[in-house]
N, C-alpha and C. Protein backbone atom coordinates (compact mmCIF):
# COMPACT_ATOMS: atom_id res chain seq x y z
N MET A 1 41.05 19.94 -63.60
CA MET A 1 42.01 19.15 -63.07
C MET A 1 42.82 19.01 -64.28
N ILE A 2 44.49 18.61 -64.28
CA ILE A 2 45.30 18.52 -65.07
C ILE A 2 45.29 17.26 -65.95
N LYS A 3 45.52 16.49 -66.54
CA LYS A 3 45.21 15.16 -67.40
C LYS A 3 46.72 15.13 -67.91
N LYS A 4 47.44 16.09 -68.31
CA LYS A 4 48.90 15.89 -68.89
C LYS A 4 50.03 15.20 -68.18
N ARG A 5 50.25 14.39 -67.64
CA ARG A 5 50.46 13.19 -67.20
C ARG A 5 51.97 12.27 -67.76
N PHE A 6 53.17 12.64 -67.14
CA PHE A 6 54.21 11.19 -67.85
C PHE A 6 54.62 10.97 -66.81
N PHE A 7 54.53 9.43 -66.58
CA PHE A 7 54.95 8.65 -65.32
C PHE A 7 56.51 8.32 -65.50
N LEU A 8 57.37 8.30 -64.73
CA LEU A 8 58.74 8.22 -64.64
C LEU A 8 59.23 6.84 -64.10
N GLY A 9 58.45 5.90 -63.13
CA GLY A 9 58.77 5.06 -62.75
C GLY A 9 58.28 4.80 -61.33
N ILE A 10 58.69 3.92 -60.12
CA ILE A 10 59.40 3.66 -59.32
C ILE A 10 60.69 4.05 -58.82
N LEU A 11 60.59 5.40 -58.22
CA LEU A 11 61.56 5.86 -57.40
C LEU A 11 61.43 6.25 -56.12
N VAL A 12 62.41 6.57 -55.69
CA VAL A 12 62.11 7.28 -53.77
C VAL A 12 61.23 6.61 -52.63
N THR A 13 60.05 6.42 -53.44
CA THR A 13 59.18 5.80 -52.29
C THR A 13 58.72 4.49 -52.42
N GLY A 14 59.30 4.01 -53.55
CA GLY A 14 58.15 2.48 -54.06
C GLY A 14 56.86 2.40 -54.40
N ILE A 15 56.67 3.54 -54.26
CA ILE A 15 55.32 3.03 -55.56
C ILE A 15 54.90 4.14 -56.54
N CYS A 16 54.95 5.13 -56.69
CA CYS A 16 55.44 5.97 -57.99
C CYS A 16 55.68 7.43 -57.88
N THR A 17 56.36 7.74 -58.74
CA THR A 17 56.88 9.24 -59.20
C THR A 17 56.33 9.66 -60.10
N LEU A 18 55.74 11.37 -60.14
CA LEU A 18 55.08 11.75 -61.72
C LEU A 18 55.71 12.88 -61.30
N LEU A 19 56.33 12.71 -63.15
CA LEU A 19 56.74 14.54 -63.39
C LEU A 19 55.71 15.45 -63.83
N ILE A 20 55.32 16.21 -63.93
CA ILE A 20 54.07 16.81 -64.70
C ILE A 20 55.26 17.87 -65.06
N SER A 21 55.02 18.41 -66.99
CA SER A 21 56.35 18.76 -67.23
C SER A 21 55.25 19.93 -67.95
N SER A 22 55.25 21.19 -68.47
CA SER A 22 54.70 21.88 -68.95
C SER A 22 55.20 23.06 -68.98
N TYR A 23 55.17 24.20 -69.86
CA TYR A 23 55.98 25.42 -69.70
C TYR A 23 54.61 26.69 -69.74
N VAL A 24 53.25 26.27 -68.91
CA VAL A 24 52.39 26.64 -68.66
C VAL A 24 52.17 27.43 -67.20
N GLU A 25 51.99 28.48 -66.98
CA GLU A 25 52.48 28.94 -65.58
C GLU A 25 50.92 29.28 -65.09
N ALA A 26 51.72 28.64 -64.02
CA ALA A 26 49.42 28.22 -62.87
C ALA A 26 49.70 29.70 -62.08
N THR A 27 48.71 30.61 -62.38
CA THR A 27 48.00 31.48 -61.49
C THR A 27 46.96 30.89 -60.21
N GLN A 28 46.20 29.87 -60.37
CA GLN A 28 46.15 29.57 -59.58
C GLN A 28 46.03 28.50 -59.16
N THR A 29 45.05 27.32 -58.17
CA THR A 29 46.11 26.28 -57.37
C THR A 29 45.85 25.00 -58.49
N VAL A 30 46.05 23.86 -58.83
CA VAL A 30 46.16 22.97 -59.58
C VAL A 30 45.88 21.66 -58.63
N LYS A 31 44.98 20.72 -59.09
CA LYS A 31 45.08 19.59 -58.55
C LYS A 31 45.78 18.23 -59.37
N ILE A 32 46.52 17.90 -58.17
CA ILE A 32 47.18 16.64 -58.93
C ILE A 32 46.48 15.32 -58.49
N ALA A 33 46.40 14.28 -59.16
CA ALA A 33 46.16 13.08 -59.40
C ALA A 33 46.76 11.94 -59.46
N ILE A 34 47.36 11.39 -58.59
CA ILE A 34 47.99 10.40 -58.98
C ILE A 34 47.83 8.64 -58.98
N PRO A 35 47.68 8.23 -60.19
CA PRO A 35 46.90 6.41 -60.39
C PRO A 35 47.51 5.67 -59.25
N TYR A 36 47.78 4.75 -58.83
CA TYR A 36 48.16 3.33 -58.67
C TYR A 36 47.50 2.24 -58.74
N THR A 37 47.85 0.96 -58.99
CA THR A 37 47.84 0.01 -58.69
C THR A 37 48.16 -0.79 -57.72
N ASP A 38 46.94 -1.64 -57.36
CA ASP A 38 46.86 -2.80 -56.46
C ASP A 38 48.03 -3.35 -55.66
N GLN A 39 48.95 -3.58 -57.08
CA GLN A 39 50.20 -4.27 -56.57
C GLN A 39 51.13 -3.26 -56.21
N GLU A 40 50.93 -2.09 -56.68
CA GLU A 40 52.31 -1.05 -56.11
C GLU A 40 51.78 -0.81 -54.74
N VAL A 41 50.76 -1.18 -54.10
CA VAL A 41 50.70 -0.78 -52.51
C VAL A 41 49.84 -1.98 -51.75
N ALA A 42 50.27 -3.05 -52.68
CA ALA A 42 50.20 -4.31 -51.58
C ALA A 42 51.07 -4.24 -50.36
N GLY A 43 50.42 -4.61 -49.39
CA GLY A 43 50.39 -4.32 -47.60
C GLY A 43 50.97 -3.05 -47.59
N LYS A 44 50.11 -2.17 -47.72
CA LYS A 44 50.15 -0.68 -47.66
C LYS A 44 48.70 -0.24 -47.00
N ASN A 45 48.74 0.47 -46.00
CA ASN A 45 47.20 1.15 -45.85
C ASN A 45 47.29 2.57 -46.78
N GLU A 46 46.10 2.27 -47.79
CA GLU A 46 45.63 3.35 -48.66
C GLU A 46 45.08 4.51 -48.08
N ASN A 47 44.69 4.30 -46.94
CA ASN A 47 43.98 5.71 -46.19
C ASN A 47 45.01 6.60 -45.87
N ASN A 48 46.30 5.84 -45.94
CA ASN A 48 47.50 6.83 -45.07
C ASN A 48 48.47 7.23 -46.36
N LEU A 49 48.14 7.18 -47.85
CA LEU A 49 48.95 7.49 -48.68
C LEU A 49 48.84 8.95 -48.93
N LYS A 50 49.82 9.53 -48.67
CA LYS A 50 50.11 10.90 -49.08
C LYS A 50 51.10 11.37 -50.31
N ILE A 51 50.58 12.80 -51.17
CA ILE A 51 51.30 13.22 -51.76
C ILE A 51 52.69 13.86 -51.38
N PHE A 52 53.97 13.96 -51.80
CA PHE A 52 55.00 14.94 -51.16
C PHE A 52 55.04 15.03 -52.60
N LYS A 53 55.89 17.28 -52.59
CA LYS A 53 56.41 17.58 -53.70
C LYS A 53 58.11 17.55 -53.24
N PHE A 54 59.03 17.87 -54.26
CA PHE A 54 60.39 17.48 -54.32
C PHE A 54 60.64 19.32 -53.97
N GLU A 55 61.52 19.81 -53.42
CA GLU A 55 61.75 20.63 -53.24
C GLU A 55 63.21 20.88 -53.62
N VAL A 56 63.19 21.60 -54.39
CA VAL A 56 64.67 21.47 -55.70
C VAL A 56 65.61 21.96 -54.61
N GLY A 57 65.48 23.27 -54.27
CA GLY A 57 66.16 23.91 -53.62
C GLY A 57 66.92 23.82 -52.58
N SER A 58 66.33 22.88 -51.53
CA SER A 58 66.70 22.67 -50.16
C SER A 58 66.73 21.04 -50.70
N GLN A 59 66.44 20.33 -51.56
CA GLN A 59 66.60 18.81 -51.82
C GLN A 59 65.65 17.57 -51.14
N THR A 60 64.50 18.15 -50.48
CA THR A 60 64.01 17.63 -50.02
C THR A 60 62.54 17.06 -49.89
N TRP A 61 61.44 16.63 -49.36
CA TRP A 61 60.36 16.33 -49.96
C TRP A 61 59.39 16.81 -48.72
N THR A 62 58.34 17.44 -49.08
CA THR A 62 57.75 18.02 -48.34
C THR A 62 55.97 17.89 -48.64
N GLU A 63 55.42 17.49 -47.80
CA GLU A 63 54.21 16.72 -47.80
C GLU A 63 52.94 17.59 -48.04
N LEU A 64 52.23 16.94 -49.27
CA LEU A 64 51.24 17.77 -49.56
C LEU A 64 49.86 17.31 -48.96
N SER A 65 49.01 18.50 -48.82
CA SER A 65 47.56 18.28 -47.83
C SER A 65 46.76 17.42 -49.35
N SER A 66 46.80 16.18 -48.87
CA SER A 66 46.36 14.66 -49.86
C SER A 66 45.32 14.09 -49.32
N THR A 67 44.42 13.78 -50.62
CA THR A 67 43.62 13.00 -50.53
C THR A 67 43.25 11.83 -50.75
N PRO A 68 43.46 10.50 -49.99
CA PRO A 68 43.08 9.59 -51.12
C PRO A 68 41.70 8.86 -51.52
N HIS A 69 42.11 8.02 -52.56
CA HIS A 69 40.64 7.43 -52.45
C HIS A 69 40.75 5.62 -52.82
N PRO A 70 40.65 5.35 -51.95
CA PRO A 70 41.30 4.11 -52.02
C PRO A 70 40.58 2.90 -53.13
N SER A 71 39.38 3.55 -53.26
CA SER A 71 38.29 2.27 -53.75
C SER A 71 38.60 2.88 -55.39
N GLU A 72 39.41 4.02 -55.43
CA GLU A 72 39.44 4.68 -56.87
C GLU A 72 40.53 4.43 -57.31
N ASN A 73 41.66 4.15 -56.53
CA ASN A 73 43.00 3.75 -56.76
C ASN A 73 43.40 5.11 -56.96
N TYR A 74 43.36 6.05 -56.23
CA TYR A 74 44.37 7.65 -57.08
C TYR A 74 44.33 8.21 -55.39
N VAL A 75 45.54 8.99 -55.71
CA VAL A 75 45.32 10.39 -54.34
C VAL A 75 45.54 11.78 -54.76
N GLU A 76 45.11 12.37 -54.24
CA GLU A 76 44.57 13.64 -54.78
C GLU A 76 45.03 14.62 -53.95
N ALA A 77 45.94 15.92 -54.81
CA ALA A 77 46.58 17.03 -53.41
C ALA A 77 46.22 18.22 -54.54
N LYS A 78 46.23 19.16 -53.94
CA LYS A 78 46.40 21.05 -54.54
C LYS A 78 47.64 21.41 -54.33
N ALA A 79 48.18 21.58 -55.73
CA ALA A 79 49.92 22.16 -55.91
C ALA A 79 49.35 23.47 -56.24
N ASP A 80 50.89 24.32 -56.38
CA ASP A 80 50.75 25.84 -56.76
C ASP A 80 52.03 26.02 -58.23
N SER A 81 51.85 24.77 -58.50
CA SER A 81 52.72 24.68 -60.29
C SER A 81 52.91 23.59 -60.61
N PHE A 82 53.15 23.68 -61.77
CA PHE A 82 53.17 22.91 -62.97
C PHE A 82 54.68 21.83 -62.93
N GLY A 83 55.77 22.92 -62.97
CA GLY A 83 56.68 21.71 -63.64
C GLY A 83 57.25 21.09 -62.09
N ASP A 84 56.60 20.70 -61.77
CA ASP A 84 57.65 19.82 -60.17
C ASP A 84 57.26 17.96 -60.15
N LYS A 85 58.25 17.60 -59.55
CA LYS A 85 57.95 16.46 -59.36
C LYS A 85 57.37 15.44 -58.01
N TYR A 86 56.79 14.81 -58.02
CA TYR A 86 55.48 14.33 -56.77
C TYR A 86 55.64 13.10 -57.34
N ALA A 87 55.50 12.47 -55.73
CA ALA A 87 55.61 10.67 -55.44
C ALA A 87 54.31 10.87 -53.88
N VAL A 88 54.54 9.47 -54.66
CA VAL A 88 53.43 9.33 -53.54
C VAL A 88 53.89 8.40 -52.17
N ALA A 89 53.51 8.39 -51.14
CA ALA A 89 54.42 7.36 -50.08
C ALA A 89 53.25 7.55 -49.16
N GLU A 90 53.19 6.03 -48.35
CA GLU A 90 52.29 5.31 -47.37
C GLU A 90 53.22 6.19 -45.91
N VAL A 91 52.15 6.92 -45.35
CA VAL A 91 53.10 7.51 -44.12
C VAL A 91 52.61 7.00 -43.17
N LYS A 92 53.59 6.45 -42.34
CA LYS A 92 53.06 5.54 -41.17
C LYS A 92 53.98 6.64 -39.87
N LEU A 93 52.80 7.02 -38.85
CA LEU A 93 53.07 7.69 -37.55
C LEU A 93 53.30 6.59 -36.19
N PRO A 94 54.32 6.89 -35.67
CA PRO A 94 54.39 6.02 -34.61
C PRO A 94 53.37 6.33 -33.54
N THR A 95 52.21 5.52 -33.76
CA THR A 95 51.09 5.95 -32.66
C THR A 95 50.32 5.28 -32.38
N VAL A 96 48.91 4.68 -31.48
CA VAL A 96 48.70 4.02 -30.46
C VAL A 96 47.39 3.56 -31.71
N THR A 97 46.94 2.33 -31.72
CA THR A 97 45.86 2.23 -31.76
C THR A 97 45.28 2.16 -31.11
N GLU A 98 45.08 1.87 -29.89
CA GLU A 98 44.28 2.22 -28.90
C GLU A 98 44.47 2.99 -28.08
N PHE A 99 43.88 4.12 -26.92
CA PHE A 99 44.47 4.83 -25.88
C PHE A 99 44.80 3.51 -24.79
N LEU A 100 45.78 4.58 -24.23
CA LEU A 100 46.09 3.71 -23.40
C LEU A 100 45.35 4.11 -22.04
N TYR A 101 45.23 3.20 -21.09
CA TYR A 101 44.40 3.55 -20.26
C TYR A 101 45.06 2.91 -18.90
N VAL A 102 44.54 3.15 -17.44
CA VAL A 102 45.37 3.11 -15.97
C VAL A 102 44.04 2.25 -15.41
N TYR A 103 44.68 0.88 -14.86
CA TYR A 103 43.65 0.46 -13.83
C TYR A 103 44.27 -0.15 -13.08
N PRO A 104 43.64 -0.55 -11.77
CA PRO A 104 42.16 -0.39 -10.93
C PRO A 104 42.55 1.19 -10.74
N ASN A 105 41.71 1.86 -11.16
CA ASN A 105 41.31 3.69 -10.45
C ASN A 105 40.24 4.21 -9.86
N PRO A 106 40.40 4.48 -8.82
CA PRO A 106 41.74 4.58 -7.62
C PRO A 106 42.28 3.11 -7.73
N VAL A 107 43.73 2.95 -6.93
CA VAL A 107 44.41 2.01 -6.72
C VAL A 107 44.44 1.94 -5.27
N LYS A 108 44.72 0.90 -4.38
CA LYS A 108 45.11 0.82 -3.09
C LYS A 108 46.83 0.34 -3.25
N LYS A 109 47.31 0.82 -1.47
CA LYS A 109 48.84 1.16 -2.07
C LYS A 109 49.38 -0.41 -1.78
N GLU A 110 50.28 -0.31 -2.56
CA GLU A 110 50.66 -1.84 -2.52
C GLU A 110 50.24 -3.14 -3.27
N ASP A 111 49.01 -2.62 -4.07
CA ASP A 111 48.39 -2.93 -5.24
C ASP A 111 49.68 -2.48 -6.54
N PRO A 112 48.89 -3.60 -7.78
CA PRO A 112 49.68 -3.23 -8.51
C PRO A 112 48.54 -2.02 -9.59
N LEU A 113 49.43 -1.48 -9.88
CA LEU A 113 48.81 -0.80 -10.75
C LEU A 113 48.76 -0.86 -12.28
N LYS A 114 48.06 -1.14 -13.34
CA LYS A 114 48.54 -1.64 -14.69
C LYS A 114 48.53 -0.45 -15.97
N ILE A 115 49.23 -0.70 -16.09
CA ILE A 115 49.26 0.11 -17.47
C ILE A 115 48.97 -0.08 -18.69
N LYS A 116 47.59 -0.23 -19.47
CA LYS A 116 47.54 -0.99 -21.01
C LYS A 116 47.94 -0.21 -21.97
N PHE A 117 48.31 -0.18 -23.42
CA PHE A 117 48.43 0.18 -24.18
C PHE A 117 48.87 -0.76 -25.55
N ASN A 118 48.53 -0.26 -26.66
CA ASN A 118 48.29 -1.18 -27.66
C ASN A 118 49.28 -0.10 -28.63
N LEU A 119 50.16 -0.82 -29.22
CA LEU A 119 51.62 0.21 -30.40
C LEU A 119 51.10 -1.04 -32.09
N SER A 120 50.92 0.17 -32.81
CA SER A 120 50.76 0.16 -33.90
C SER A 120 52.28 -0.66 -34.43
N GLN A 121 53.48 -0.03 -34.42
CA GLN A 121 54.45 -0.67 -34.46
C GLN A 121 55.82 -0.21 -33.65
N GLY A 122 56.74 -0.81 -33.52
CA GLY A 122 57.78 -1.19 -32.49
C GLY A 122 58.49 0.39 -32.21
N MET A 123 58.50 0.93 -31.20
CA MET A 123 58.67 2.01 -30.75
C MET A 123 59.61 2.14 -29.39
N HIS A 124 60.12 2.99 -28.88
CA HIS A 124 60.77 3.65 -27.92
C HIS A 124 59.63 3.65 -26.72
N VAL A 125 59.34 3.37 -25.57
CA VAL A 125 58.77 3.62 -24.74
C VAL A 125 59.15 4.04 -23.23
N THR A 126 57.99 4.99 -22.77
CA THR A 126 58.84 5.47 -21.73
C THR A 126 57.54 5.90 -20.65
N ILE A 127 57.22 5.17 -19.34
CA ILE A 127 56.58 5.59 -18.31
C ILE A 127 57.17 5.91 -17.19
N LYS A 128 56.81 7.08 -16.59
CA LYS A 128 57.20 7.78 -15.79
C LYS A 128 55.45 8.44 -14.68
N ILE A 129 55.66 8.05 -13.15
CA ILE A 129 55.16 8.54 -12.68
C ILE A 129 54.99 9.75 -11.85
N TYR A 130 54.29 11.02 -11.64
CA TYR A 130 54.24 12.33 -11.47
C TYR A 130 52.99 12.35 -10.23
N LEU A 131 54.29 13.18 -8.84
CA LEU A 131 53.38 13.71 -8.03
C LEU A 131 53.48 15.27 -8.62
N GLY A 132 52.54 15.71 -8.62
CA GLY A 132 52.42 17.16 -9.09
C GLY A 132 53.90 17.21 -10.34
N GLN A 133 55.15 18.44 -9.84
CA GLN A 133 56.07 18.22 -11.27
C GLN A 133 57.55 17.14 -10.73
N SER A 134 56.72 16.70 -9.66
CA SER A 134 58.00 15.45 -9.11
C SER A 134 58.23 14.29 -9.95
N GLU A 135 59.16 13.95 -10.49
CA GLU A 135 58.97 11.94 -10.85
C GLU A 135 58.72 11.41 -9.54
N VAL A 136 58.48 10.39 -9.60
CA VAL A 136 57.95 9.30 -8.10
C VAL A 136 58.81 7.97 -8.52
N ALA A 137 58.34 7.31 -10.09
CA ALA A 137 59.43 6.12 -10.59
C ALA A 137 59.13 6.36 -12.08
N THR A 138 59.59 5.40 -11.92
CA THR A 138 60.28 5.00 -13.72
C THR A 138 59.59 3.87 -14.00
N PRO A 139 58.35 3.17 -14.16
CA PRO A 139 57.93 1.77 -14.26
C PRO A 139 58.48 1.17 -15.88
N TYR A 140 59.05 1.63 -16.55
CA TYR A 140 59.55 1.14 -17.96
C TYR A 140 60.02 2.23 -18.68
N ASP A 141 61.05 2.07 -19.67
CA ASP A 141 62.10 2.80 -20.39
C ASP A 141 62.62 2.05 -21.15
N GLY A 142 62.42 1.75 -22.03
CA GLY A 142 63.13 0.63 -23.22
C GLY A 142 62.26 1.21 -24.73
N TYR A 143 62.93 -0.03 -25.57
CA TYR A 143 62.62 -0.09 -26.76
C TYR A 143 61.23 -1.35 -27.09
N ILE A 144 60.47 -1.59 -27.30
CA ILE A 144 59.55 -2.60 -27.46
C ILE A 144 60.05 -2.52 -29.14
N SER A 145 60.28 -3.99 -29.52
CA SER A 145 60.57 -3.97 -31.24
C SER A 145 59.20 -4.18 -32.06
N GLU A 146 57.95 -4.57 -31.09
CA GLU A 146 56.90 -5.52 -32.44
C GLU A 146 55.92 -4.80 -32.15
N ALA A 147 54.90 -4.50 -32.88
CA ALA A 147 53.25 -4.23 -32.88
C ALA A 147 52.36 -5.11 -32.11
N GLY A 148 51.81 -4.64 -31.00
CA GLY A 148 50.78 -5.27 -30.01
C GLY A 148 50.62 -4.88 -28.58
N GLU A 149 49.83 -5.42 -27.88
CA GLU A 149 49.17 -5.13 -26.70
C GLU A 149 50.11 -5.52 -25.93
N TYR A 150 50.20 -4.24 -25.04
CA TYR A 150 51.04 -4.22 -23.83
C TYR A 150 50.85 -3.83 -22.39
N GLU A 151 51.14 -4.70 -21.43
CA GLU A 151 50.61 -4.18 -19.73
C GLU A 151 51.80 -4.35 -19.01
N VAL A 152 52.35 -2.76 -18.30
CA VAL A 152 53.01 -2.53 -17.77
C VAL A 152 52.58 -2.61 -16.26
N LYS A 153 52.87 -3.59 -15.42
CA LYS A 153 52.13 -3.72 -13.76
C LYS A 153 53.57 -2.59 -13.22
N TRP A 154 52.96 -1.99 -11.88
CA TRP A 154 53.68 -1.12 -11.11
C TRP A 154 53.24 -0.91 -9.98
N THR A 155 53.92 -1.77 -8.50
CA THR A 155 53.64 -1.83 -7.35
C THR A 155 53.46 -0.73 -6.96
N VAL A 156 52.22 -0.23 -6.43
CA VAL A 156 52.18 1.12 -5.50
C VAL A 156 53.09 1.45 -4.19
N ASN A 157 54.19 2.16 -4.49
CA ASN A 157 54.59 2.54 -2.88
C ASN A 157 54.63 3.94 -2.64
N VAL A 158 53.61 4.32 -2.70
CA VAL A 158 53.51 6.05 -2.54
C VAL A 158 52.49 6.19 -1.54
N VAL A 159 52.43 7.24 -0.98
CA VAL A 159 51.36 8.02 0.03
C VAL A 159 50.06 8.01 -0.70
N THR A 160 48.97 8.26 -0.33
CA THR A 160 47.71 8.44 -0.82
C THR A 160 47.85 9.78 -1.44
N ASN A 161 47.32 10.12 -2.53
CA ASN A 161 47.51 11.44 -3.42
C ASN A 161 46.97 10.99 -4.86
N LEU A 162 47.04 11.87 -5.96
CA LEU A 162 46.35 12.49 -7.11
C LEU A 162 47.63 12.29 -7.69
N TYR A 163 47.95 11.36 -8.89
CA TYR A 163 49.31 10.96 -9.92
C TYR A 163 49.03 11.49 -10.79
N THR A 164 50.23 11.86 -11.99
CA THR A 164 49.70 11.16 -12.89
C THR A 164 51.14 10.56 -13.99
N CYS A 165 50.05 9.30 -14.54
CA CYS A 165 51.21 8.47 -15.43
C CYS A 165 51.46 8.84 -16.66
N LYS A 166 52.61 9.40 -16.87
CA LYS A 166 53.46 9.49 -18.54
C LYS A 166 53.59 8.92 -18.99
N VAL A 167 52.98 8.45 -20.34
CA VAL A 167 53.70 7.86 -21.27
C VAL A 167 54.38 8.44 -22.65
N LYS A 168 55.14 8.10 -22.66
CA LYS A 168 55.70 8.50 -24.03
C LYS A 168 55.78 7.31 -25.41
N LEU A 169 55.43 6.80 -26.20
CA LEU A 169 55.40 6.14 -26.94
C LEU A 169 56.04 6.70 -28.28
N GLY A 170 57.06 6.48 -28.62
CA GLY A 170 57.84 7.41 -29.75
C GLY A 170 57.88 8.80 -29.51
N SER A 171 57.16 9.86 -30.48
CA SER A 171 57.67 11.01 -30.44
C SER A 171 56.38 11.84 -29.90
N SER A 172 55.21 10.32 -29.25
CA SER A 172 54.12 11.27 -28.54
C SER A 172 54.19 10.84 -27.10
N GLU A 173 53.39 12.13 -26.34
CA GLU A 173 53.52 12.03 -25.46
C GLU A 173 51.63 11.70 -24.47
N TRP A 174 51.29 11.45 -24.05
CA TRP A 174 49.99 11.12 -23.16
C TRP A 174 49.96 10.82 -21.66
N SER A 175 49.20 11.62 -20.85
CA SER A 175 49.33 11.79 -19.51
C SER A 175 47.55 11.15 -19.17
N VAL A 176 47.95 10.57 -17.79
CA VAL A 176 46.44 9.69 -17.60
C VAL A 176 46.46 10.14 -16.23
N LYS A 177 45.54 10.68 -15.24
CA LYS A 177 45.47 10.52 -13.97
C LYS A 177 44.85 9.48 -12.88
N PHE A 178 45.22 9.27 -11.79
CA PHE A 178 45.11 8.43 -11.07
C PHE A 178 45.09 8.61 -9.97
N ILE A 179 44.02 7.88 -8.94
CA ILE A 179 44.43 8.31 -7.18
C ILE A 179 44.86 6.88 -6.56
N VAL A 180 45.88 7.05 -5.36
CA VAL A 180 46.54 6.34 -4.59
C VAL A 180 45.34 6.46 -3.42
N ILE A 181 45.13 5.35 -2.42
CA ILE A 181 44.31 5.45 -1.54
C ILE A 181 44.74 4.49 -0.41
N GLY A 182 44.54 4.87 0.71
CA GLY A 182 45.58 4.03 1.61
C GLY A 182 44.78 2.81 1.72
């Protein structure tokens, strides 16, 4: 592990940035370990911390495969060079904290089908009902601004058959099959 490190302070990510300066050429992968204080990550989920490498040519940050060590207050990753700029940031993905479910299943025609899901943050939500490849209904399509548990009710007005409920949360999509009975 390389121990020669120079900290430049808080840049870009708001947590910390590290510049490893060395004229030694790397012939194998090296471990980068970036320490942080509790104060620097206050309000963040330490298990979501990742190390990013600054790509000079494209002027972009690339996520490295990282391992956070919350109990020891550092994040580590493997890199292929010494003379690069690295930063630690919390990665927040627009995900559901609980998988969605549809109930009752089977549902009787004219009864409400309940589609329940839990958002970890605000995002655009689209719920569509399909019979095979054909869209039958769109019970919800809009932006939900806050995290929390949500339930959408759709009054079933279709014939007896097997249907698919597709729920798009941000850029992720889930499908659940349900049966409508007469």
